């Protein structure tokens, strides 16, 4: 793999991450933890936590990826 291909590959991955960040700005994770245990019986609680990706960050990653792809194309010439 040459350096040019590496730049373009990393750029393409960053573009995809940027597009995903703009398309899905909020995602939620679930965490289940054991609250109590009495003999064989357990009581569990599930907590949901939401995370927000700032659009400015997603846009910056997208632009950085496009710049790396452009640099890879310019080095190929």
C-alpha atoms as a PDB file:
ATOM      1  CA  UNK A   1       0.000   0.000   0.000  1.00  0.00           C
ATOM      2  CA  UNK A   2       1.515   3.307  -1.023  1.00  0.00           C
ATOM      3  CA  UNK A   3       1.217   6.521   0.913  1.00  0.00           C
ATOM      4  CA  UNK A   4      -1.262   7.909  -1.599  1.00  0.00           C
ATOM      5  CA  UNK A   5      -3.588   4.961  -1.155  1.00  0.00           C
ATOM      6  CA  UNK A   6      -3.248   5.331   2.606  1.00  0.00           C
ATOM      7  CA  UNK A   7      -4.258   9.005   2.473  1.00  0.00           C
ATOM      8  CA  UNK A   8      -7.241   8.239   0.298  1.00  0.00           C
ATOM      9  CA  UNK A   9      -8.304   5.311   2.481  1.00  0.00           C
ATOM     10  CA  UNK A  10      -8.113   7.334   5.697  1.00  0.00           C
ATOM     11  CA  UNK A  11      -9.905  10.197   3.937  1.00  0.00           C
ATOM     12  CA  UNK A  12     -12.709   7.904   2.779  1.00  0.00           C
ATOM     13  CA  UNK A  13     -13.144   6.508   6.305  1.00  0.00           C
ATOM     14  CA  UNK A  14     -13.293  10.042   7.752  1.00  0.00           C
ATOM     15  CA  UNK A  15     -15.843  11.089   5.126  1.00  0.00           C
ATOM     16  CA  UNK A  16     -18.055   8.130   6.071  1.00  0.00           C
ATOM     17  CA  UNK A  17     -17.736   8.928   9.787  1.00  0.00           C
ATOM     18  CA  UNK A  18     -18.592  12.573   9.113  1.00  0.00           C
ATOM     19  CA  UNK A  19     -21.669  11.653   7.075  1.00  0.00           C
ATOM     20  CA  UNK A  20     -22.820   9.211   9.767  1.00  0.00           C
ATOM     21  CA  UNK A  21     -22.314  11.876  12.428  1.00  0.00           C
ATOM     22  CA  UNK A  22     -24.468  14.324  10.477  1.00  0.00           C
ATOM     23  CA  UNK A  23     -27.134  11.718   9.676  1.00  0.00           C
ATOM     24  CA  UNK A  24     -27.358  10.262  13.205  1.00  0.00           C
ATOM     25  CA  UNK A  25     -26.401  13.048  15.633  1.00  0.00           C
ATOM     26  CA  UNK A  26     -27.756  11.308  18.769  1.00  0.00           C
ATOM     27  CA  UNK A  27     -27.235   7.710  19.830  1.00  0.00           C
ATOM     28  CA  UNK A  28     -28.233   5.860  22.980  1.00  0.00           C
ATOM     29  CA  UNK A  29     -26.502   3.109  24.929  1.00  0.00           C
ATOM     30  CA  UNK A  30     -27.946   0.823  27.576  1.00  0.00           C
ATOM     31  CA  UNK A  31     -26.234  -0.394  30.715  1.00  0.00           C
ATOM     32  CA  UNK A  32     -27.678  -3.171  32.841  1.00  0.00           C
ATOM     33  CA  UNK A  33     -26.324  -3.575  36.330  1.00  0.00           C
ATOM     34  CA  UNK A  34     -27.180  -5.803  39.238  1.00  0.00           C
ATOM     35  CA  UNK A  35     -28.957  -3.918  42.020  1.00  0.00           C
ATOM     36  CA  UNK A  36     -29.517  -6.706  44.537  1.00  0.00           C
ATOM     37  CA  UNK A  37     -29.028 -10.442  44.894  1.00  0.00           C
ATOM     38  CA  UNK A  38     -30.958 -12.604  47.299  1.00  0.00           C
ATOM     39  CA  UNK A  39     -30.007 -16.246  46.957  1.00  0.00           C
ATOM     40  CA  UNK A  40     -30.625 -17.275  43.350  1.00  0.00           C
ATOM     41  CA  UNK A  41     -32.801 -14.221  42.619  1.00  0.00           C
ATOM     42  CA  UNK A  42     -31.236 -11.072  41.218  1.00  0.00           C
ATOM     43  CA  UNK A  43     -32.721  -7.634  40.641  1.00  0.00           C
ATOM     44  CA  UNK A  44     -31.306  -5.695  37.712  1.00  0.00           C
ATOM     45  CA  UNK A  45     -31.746  -2.116  36.556  1.00  0.00           C
ATOM     46  CA  UNK A  46     -31.245  -0.875  33.014  1.00  0.00           C
ATOM     47  CA  UNK A  47     -30.123   2.696  32.423  1.00  0.00           C
ATOM     48  CA  UNK A  48     -30.256   4.478  29.077  1.00  0.00           C
ATOM     49  CA  UNK A  49     -27.705   7.170  28.318  1.00  0.00           C
ATOM     50  CA  UNK A  50     -27.863   9.433  25.265  1.00  0.00           C
ATOM     51  CA  UNK A  51     -24.834  10.950  23.575  1.00  0.00           C
ATOM     52  CA  UNK A  52     -24.949  13.885  21.193  1.00  0.00           C
ATOM     53  CA  UNK A  53     -22.406  14.475  18.416  1.00  0.00           C
ATOM     54  CA  UNK A  54     -22.005  18.197  17.649  1.00  0.00           C
ATOM     55  CA  UNK A  55     -22.706  18.991  13.969  1.00  0.00           C
ATOM     56  CA  UNK A  56     -19.604  21.185  13.848  1.00  0.00           C
ATOM     57  CA  UNK A  57     -17.442  18.188  14.781  1.00  0.00           C
ATOM     58  CA  UNK A  58     -19.090  15.958  12.161  1.00  0.00           C
ATOM     59  CA  UNK A  59     -18.688  18.652   9.522  1.00  0.00           C
ATOM     60  CA  UNK A  60     -15.035  19.119  10.443  1.00  0.00           C
ATOM     61  CA  UNK A  61     -14.353  15.391  10.141  1.00  0.00           C
ATOM     62  CA  UNK A  62     -16.126  15.369   6.762  1.00  0.00           C
ATOM     63  CA  UNK A  63     -14.054  18.311   5.466  1.00  0.00           C
ATOM     64  CA  UNK A  64     -10.829  16.762   6.789  1.00  0.00           C
ATOM     65  CA  UNK A  65     -11.656  13.518   4.980  1.00  0.00           C
ATOM     66  CA  UNK A  66     -12.343  15.350   1.733  1.00  0.00           C
ATOM     67  CA  UNK A  67      -9.048  17.209   2.135  1.00  0.00           C
ATOM     68  CA  UNK A  68      -7.138  13.952   2.599  1.00  0.00           C
ATOM     69  CA  UNK A  69      -8.784  12.460  -0.477  1.00  0.00           C
ATOM     70  CA  UNK A  70      -7.846  15.582  -2.439  1.00  0.00           C
ATOM     71  CA  UNK A  71      -4.249  15.378  -1.191  1.00  0.00           C
ATOM     72  CA  UNK A  72      -4.099  11.747  -2.237  1.00  0.00           C
ATOM     73  CA  UNK A  73      -5.355  12.590  -5.716  1.00  0.00           C
ATOM     74  CA  UNK A  74      -2.848  15.452  -6.049  1.00  0.00           C
ATOM     75  CA  UNK A  75       0.067  13.198  -5.017  1.00  0.00           C
ATOM     76  CA  UNK A  76      -0.953  10.600  -7.578  1.00  0.00           C
ATOM     77  CA  UNK A  77      -0.336  13.025 -10.439  1.00  0.00           C
END
